[in-house]
Amino acid sequence: MSEETVSQEEILTQELTVDEVQPIVNGETIESEVNSEPVEEVSELDQLIAKRMGNFTVSLSLSDLKYLRNKLNDVTWTGPNEAYLQIMAVVAINNEIRNIVDLKDASNRHNISFPSTTIESINFFLSRVSGKGEEGAHRLFAISMLLRPVMEEIKNIDATITAARNSEDS
């Protein structure tokens, strides 16, 4: 091979690697920027916090949701912060009630995803419910037991976050 042939091959190779396909919108080429910044890894603590602030799944039926909504509407709240928490919890429950009614499957339990804040609000207000009689006690206890595994999971994540923060400080 001659030097001229090698040079032409190198030039063609360089041209092929330099030229990239650019998206075309409405007949115009759109230049895309390549992000050359290094991708930061998310720390374990940040992952735990994101998980803590995320959604958690609870298995509830339509009657469970209606019971929760009714109990939250009867509970006493104090101040604007608790009022807001009560409103947001009831709105989330009403949305899930609508979803289940749309499915026309009211008798079965469904895996429902709520933000951790909503689950904690529901649990907070359920602790303020008062009532009479064995039937009411059974119903309230049964609902609280459905929320208990999720509350334990949130509590465990909180403990892990605290331990991770303490080890970072050390």
C-alpha atoms as a PDB file:
ATOM      1  CA  MET A   1       0.000   0.000   0.000  1.00  0.00           C
ATOM      2  CA  SER A   2       1.151   3.477  -0.749  1.00  0.00           C
ATOM      3  CA  GLU A   3       1.193   6.339   1.734  1.00  0.00           C
ATOM      4  CA  GLU A   4      -1.498   8.086  -0.269  1.00  0.00           C
ATOM      5  CA  THR A   5      -3.882   5.118   0.089  1.00  0.00           C
ATOM      6  CA  VAL A   6      -3.335   4.885   3.834  1.00  0.00           C
ATOM      7  CA  SER A   7      -3.914   8.591   4.235  1.00  0.00           C
ATOM      8  CA  GLN A   8      -7.175   8.422   2.324  1.00  0.00           C
ATOM      9  CA  GLU A   9      -8.337   5.495   4.488  1.00  0.00           C
ATOM     10  CA  GLU A  10      -7.418   7.402   7.647  1.00  0.00           C
ATOM     11  CA  ILE A  11      -9.238  10.469   6.407  1.00  0.00           C
ATOM     12  CA  LEU A  12     -12.348   8.434   5.617  1.00  0.00           C
ATOM     13  CA  THR A  13     -12.180   6.750   9.026  1.00  0.00           C
ATOM     14  CA  GLN A  14     -11.813  10.112  10.746  1.00  0.00           C
ATOM     15  CA  GLU A  15     -14.706  11.583   8.775  1.00  0.00           C
ATOM     16  CA  LEU A  16     -16.924   8.625   9.683  1.00  0.00           C
ATOM     17  CA  THR A  17     -16.161   8.879  13.369  1.00  0.00           C
ATOM     18  CA  VAL A  18     -16.543  12.670  13.468  1.00  0.00           C
ATOM     19  CA  ASP A  19     -19.821  12.837  11.570  1.00  0.00           C
ATOM     20  CA  GLU A  20     -22.753  11.873  13.748  1.00  0.00           C
ATOM     21  CA  VAL A  21     -26.363  11.607  12.786  1.00  0.00           C
ATOM     22  CA  GLN A  22     -28.124  14.778  13.862  1.00  0.00           C
ATOM     23  CA  PRO A  23     -31.885  14.810  14.439  1.00  0.00           C
ATOM     24  CA  ILE A  24     -33.864  16.773  11.882  1.00  0.00           C
ATOM     25  CA  VAL A  25     -37.025  18.605  12.894  1.00  0.00           C
ATOM     26  CA  ASN A  26     -39.082  20.537  10.340  1.00  0.00           C
ATOM     27  CA  GLY A  27     -36.267  20.259   7.814  1.00  0.00           C
ATOM     28  CA  GLU A  28     -33.661  21.800  10.136  1.00  0.00           C
ATOM     29  CA  THR A  29     -30.773  19.977  11.753  1.00  0.00           C
ATOM     30  CA  ILE A  30     -30.812  20.248  15.527  1.00  0.00           C
ATOM     31  CA  GLU A  31     -27.410  20.301  17.169  1.00  0.00           C
ATOM     32  CA  SER A  32     -27.219  18.151  20.242  1.00  0.00           C
ATOM     33  CA  GLU A  33     -24.727  18.764  22.978  1.00  0.00           C
ATOM     34  CA  VAL A  34     -22.797  15.913  24.469  1.00  0.00           C
ATOM     35  CA  ASN A  35     -22.744  16.096  28.217  1.00  0.00           C
ATOM     36  CA  SER A  36     -19.094  15.629  29.096  1.00  0.00           C
ATOM     37  CA  GLU A  37     -19.613  16.162  32.816  1.00  0.00           C
ATOM     38  CA  PRO A  38     -18.954  13.083  34.908  1.00  0.00           C
ATOM     39  CA  VAL A  39     -22.044  11.409  36.290  1.00  0.00           C
ATOM     40  CA  GLU A  40     -22.099  11.686  40.050  1.00  0.00           C
ATOM     41  CA  GLU A  41     -22.834   8.534  41.928  1.00  0.00           C
ATOM     42  CA  VAL A  42     -25.702   8.797  44.364  1.00  0.00           C
ATOM     43  CA  SER A  43     -24.600   8.091  47.893  1.00  0.00           C
ATOM     44  CA  GLU A  44     -26.205   5.379  49.960  1.00  0.00           C
ATOM     45  CA  LEU A  45     -27.640   8.057  52.234  1.00  0.00           C
ATOM     46  CA  ASP A  46     -29.253   9.863  49.294  1.00  0.00           C
ATOM     47  CA  GLN A  47     -30.691   6.579  48.039  1.00  0.00           C
ATOM     48  CA  LEU A  48     -32.158   5.874  51.466  1.00  0.00           C
ATOM     49  CA  ILE A  49     -33.661   9.358  51.673  1.00  0.00           C
ATOM     50  CA  ALA A  50     -35.172   8.976  48.192  1.00  0.00           C
ATOM     51  CA  LYS A  51     -36.634   5.611  49.195  1.00  0.00           C
ATOM     52  CA  ARG A  52     -37.976   7.130  52.416  1.00  0.00           C
ATOM     53  CA  MET A  53     -39.694   9.946  50.526  1.00  0.00           C
ATOM     54  CA  GLY A  54     -41.072   7.576  47.893  1.00  0.00           C
ATOM     55  CA  ASN A  55     -44.227   5.513  47.657  1.00  0.00           C
ATOM     56  CA  PHE A  56     -45.104   2.435  49.665  1.00  0.00           C
ATOM     57  CA  THR A  57     -47.656  -0.230  48.819  1.00  0.00           C
ATOM     58  CA  VAL A  58     -50.540  -1.182  51.085  1.00  0.00           C
ATOM     59  CA  SER A  59     -53.124  -3.857  50.355  1.00  0.00           C
ATOM     60  CA  LEU A  60     -56.592  -2.340  50.877  1.00  0.00           C
ATOM     61  CA  SER A  61     -60.115  -3.007  49.670  1.00  0.00           C
ATOM     62  CA  LEU A  62     -62.726  -0.456  48.683  1.00  0.00           C
ATOM     63  CA  SER A  63     -64.427  -0.861  52.067  1.00  0.00           C
ATOM     64  CA  ASP A  64     -61.075  -0.327  53.839  1.00  0.00           C
ATOM     65  CA  LEU A  65     -60.531   2.903  51.913  1.00  0.00           C
ATOM     66  CA  LYS A  66     -64.039   4.153  52.650  1.00  0.00           C
ATOM     67  CA  TYR A  67     -63.589   3.323  56.325  1.00  0.00           C
ATOM     68  CA  LEU A  68     -60.307   5.276  56.392  1.00  0.00           C
ATOM     69  CA  ARG A  69     -61.897   8.228  54.618  1.00  0.00           C
ATOM     70  CA  ASN A  70     -64.817   8.284  57.063  1.00  0.00           C
ATOM     71  CA  LYS A  71     -62.544   8.015  60.105  1.00  0.00           C
ATOM     72  CA  LEU A  72     -60.250  10.768  58.825  1.00  0.00           C
ATOM     73  CA  ASN A  73     -63.255  12.994  58.183  1.00  0.00           C
ATOM     74  CA  ASP A  74     -64.402  12.481  61.799  1.00  0.00           C
ATOM     75  CA  VAL A  75     -61.024  12.976  63.467  1.00  0.00           C
ATOM     76  CA  THR A  76     -60.100  16.200  65.237  1.00  0.00           C
ATOM     77  CA  TRP A  77     -57.145  18.084  63.836  1.00  0.00           C
ATOM     78  CA  THR A  78     -55.372  21.042  65.393  1.00  0.00           C
ATOM     79  CA  GLY A  79     -53.869  23.939  63.426  1.00  0.00           C
ATOM     80  CA  PRO A  80     -53.145  24.473  59.751  1.00  0.00           C
ATOM     81  CA  ASN A  81     -50.397  21.840  59.475  1.00  0.00           C
ATOM     82  CA  GLU A  82     -52.627  19.031  60.687  1.00  0.00           C
ATOM     83  CA  ALA A  83     -55.494  20.396  58.590  1.00  0.00           C
ATOM     84  CA  TYR A  84     -53.274  20.183  55.508  1.00  0.00           C
ATOM     85  CA  LEU A  85     -52.184  16.635  56.348  1.00  0.00           C
ATOM     86  CA  GLN A  86     -55.804  15.596  56.815  1.00  0.00           C
ATOM     87  CA  ILE A  87     -56.857  17.161  53.510  1.00  0.00           C
ATOM     88  CA  MET A  88     -54.013  15.533  51.561  1.00  0.00           C
ATOM     89  CA  ALA A  89     -54.658  12.110  53.082  1.00  0.00           C
ATOM     90  CA  VAL A  90     -58.381  12.270  52.285  1.00  0.00           C
ATOM     91  CA  VAL A  91     -57.661  13.466  48.723  1.00  0.00           C
ATOM     92  CA  ALA A  92     -55.260  10.538  48.172  1.00  0.00           C
ATOM     93  CA  ILE A  93     -57.814   8.084  49.576  1.00  0.00           C
ATOM     94  CA  ASN A  94     -60.598   9.543  47.409  1.00  0.00           C
ATOM     95  CA  ASN A  95     -58.417   9.158  44.303  1.00  0.00           C
ATOM     96  CA  GLU A  96     -57.858   5.489  45.101  1.00  0.00           C
ATOM     97  CA  ILE A  97     -61.557   4.971  45.779  1.00  0.00           C
ATOM     98  CA  ARG A  98     -62.306   6.387  42.319  1.00  0.00           C
ATOM     99  CA  ASN A  99     -59.697   4.103  40.737  1.00  0.00           C
ATOM    100  CA  ILE A 100     -61.168   0.995  42.347  1.00  0.00           C
ATOM    101  CA  VAL A 101     -64.739   1.993  41.469  1.00  0.00           C
ATOM    102  CA  ASP A 102     -63.587   2.449  37.856  1.00  0.00           C
ATOM    103  CA  LEU A 103     -62.130  -1.077  37.930  1.00  0.00           C
ATOM    104  CA  LYS A 104     -65.498  -2.421  39.104  1.00  0.00           C
ATOM    105  CA  ASP A 105     -63.647  -4.739  41.488  1.00  0.00           C
ATOM    106  CA  ALA A 106     -64.752  -3.563  44.908  1.00  0.00           C
ATOM    107  CA  SER A 107     -64.627  -6.831  46.832  1.00  0.00           C
ATOM    108  CA  ASN A 108     -60.912  -7.659  46.547  1.00  0.00           C
ATOM    109  CA  ARG A 109     -57.923  -6.055  48.183  1.00  0.00           C
ATOM    110  CA  HIS A 110     -55.722  -4.038  45.846  1.00  0.00           C
ATOM    111  CA  ASN A 111     -52.087  -3.051  46.156  1.00  0.00           C
ATOM    112  CA  ILE A 112     -52.310   0.697  46.522  1.00  0.00           C
ATOM    113  CA  SER A 113     -49.289   2.946  46.371  1.00  0.00           C
ATOM    114  CA  PHE A 114     -49.276   5.946  48.689  1.00  0.00           C
ATOM    115  CA  PRO A 115     -46.483   8.420  49.412  1.00  0.00           C
ATOM    116  CA  SER A 116     -44.859   7.826  52.784  1.00  0.00           C
ATOM    117  CA  THR A 117     -46.239  11.142  54.024  1.00  0.00           C
ATOM    118  CA  THR A 118     -49.804  10.037  53.294  1.00  0.00           C
ATOM    119  CA  ILE A 119     -49.344   6.718  55.075  1.00  0.00           C
ATOM    120  CA  GLU A 120     -47.846   8.475  58.083  1.00  0.00           C
ATOM    121  CA  SER A 121     -50.699  11.008  58.108  1.00  0.00           C
ATOM    122  CA  ILE A 122     -53.298   8.252  58.003  1.00  0.00           C
ATOM    123  CA  ASN A 123     -51.544   6.434  60.827  1.00  0.00           C
ATOM    124  CA  PHE A 124     -51.249   9.662  62.854  1.00  0.00           C
ATOM    125  CA  PHE A 125     -54.952  10.441  62.549  1.00  0.00           C
ATOM    126  CA  LEU A 126     -55.990   6.833  63.225  1.00  0.00           C
ATOM    127  CA  SER A 127     -54.207   7.109  66.561  1.00  0.00           C
ATOM    128  CA  ARG A 128     -56.661   9.901  67.451  1.00  0.00           C
ATOM    129  CA  VAL A 129     -59.802   7.923  66.623  1.00  0.00           C
ATOM    130  CA  SER A 130     -62.006   7.159  69.584  1.00  0.00           C
ATOM    131  CA  GLY A 131     -64.982   4.890  69.656  1.00  0.00           C
ATOM    132  CA  LYS A 132     -67.100   2.412  71.568  1.00  0.00           C
ATOM    133  CA  GLY A 133     -67.833  -1.252  71.340  1.00  0.00           C
ATOM    134  CA  GLU A 134     -66.074  -4.373  70.245  1.00  0.00           C
ATOM    135  CA  GLU A 135     -67.055  -4.148  66.570  1.00  0.00           C
ATOM    136  CA  GLY A 136     -65.574  -0.663  66.179  1.00  0.00           C
ATOM    137  CA  ALA A 137     -62.446  -1.721  68.041  1.00  0.00           C
ATOM    138  CA  HIS A 138     -61.983  -4.739  65.759  1.00  0.00           C
ATOM    139  CA  ARG A 139     -62.395  -2.650  62.627  1.00  0.00           C
ATOM    140  CA  LEU A 140     -59.941   0.037  63.736  1.00  0.00           C
ATOM    141  CA  PHE A 141     -57.415  -2.563  64.878  1.00  0.00           C
ATOM    142  CA  ALA A 142     -57.714  -4.496  61.590  1.00  0.00           C
ATOM    143  CA  ILE A 143     -57.056  -1.361  59.521  1.00  0.00           C
ATOM    144  CA  SER A 144     -54.105  -0.402  61.701  1.00  0.00           C
ATOM    145  CA  MET A 145     -52.631  -3.885  61.193  1.00  0.00           C
ATOM    146  CA  LEU A 146     -52.827  -3.414  57.409  1.00  0.00           C
ATOM    147  CA  LEU A 147     -50.729  -0.248  57.743  1.00  0.00           C
ATOM    148  CA  ARG A 148     -48.328  -1.661  60.332  1.00  0.00           C
ATOM    149  CA  PRO A 149     -45.849  -3.439  57.965  1.00  0.00           C
ATOM    150  CA  VAL A 150     -45.430  -0.271  55.911  1.00  0.00           C
ATOM    151  CA  MET A 151     -45.004   1.860  59.027  1.00  0.00           C
ATOM    152  CA  GLU A 152     -42.343  -0.592  60.250  1.00  0.00           C
ATOM    153  CA  GLU A 153     -40.562  -0.376  56.896  1.00  0.00           C
ATOM    154  CA  ILE A 154     -40.560   3.435  57.085  1.00  0.00           C
ATOM    155  CA  LYS A 155     -39.308   3.267  60.687  1.00  0.00           C
ATOM    156  CA  ASN A 156     -36.475   0.910  59.649  1.00  0.00           C
ATOM    157  CA  ILE A 157     -35.455   3.227  56.813  1.00  0.00           C
ATOM    158  CA  ASP A 158     -35.441   6.148  59.276  1.00  0.00           C
ATOM    159  CA  ALA A 159     -33.152   4.184  61.611  1.00  0.00           C
ATOM    160  CA  THR A 160     -30.816   3.316  58.730  1.00  0.00           C
ATOM    161  CA  ILE A 161     -30.718   6.971  57.631  1.00  0.00           C
ATOM    162  CA  THR A 162     -29.868   8.056  61.188  1.00  0.00           C
ATOM    163  CA  ALA A 163     -27.088   5.454  61.390  1.00  0.00           C
ATOM    164  CA  ALA A 164     -25.708   6.531  57.995  1.00  0.00           C
ATOM    165  CA  ARG A 165     -25.719  10.198  59.028  1.00  0.00           C
ATOM    166  CA  ASN A 166     -23.985   9.357  62.305  1.00  0.00           C
ATOM    167  CA  SER A 167     -21.277   7.396  60.490  1.00  0.00           C
ATOM    168  CA  GLU A 168     -20.744  10.315  58.064  1.00  0.00           C
ATOM    169  CA  ASP A 169     -20.311  12.686  61.004  1.00  0.00           C
ATOM    170  CA  SER A 170     -17.718  10.421  62.637  1.00  0.00           C
END
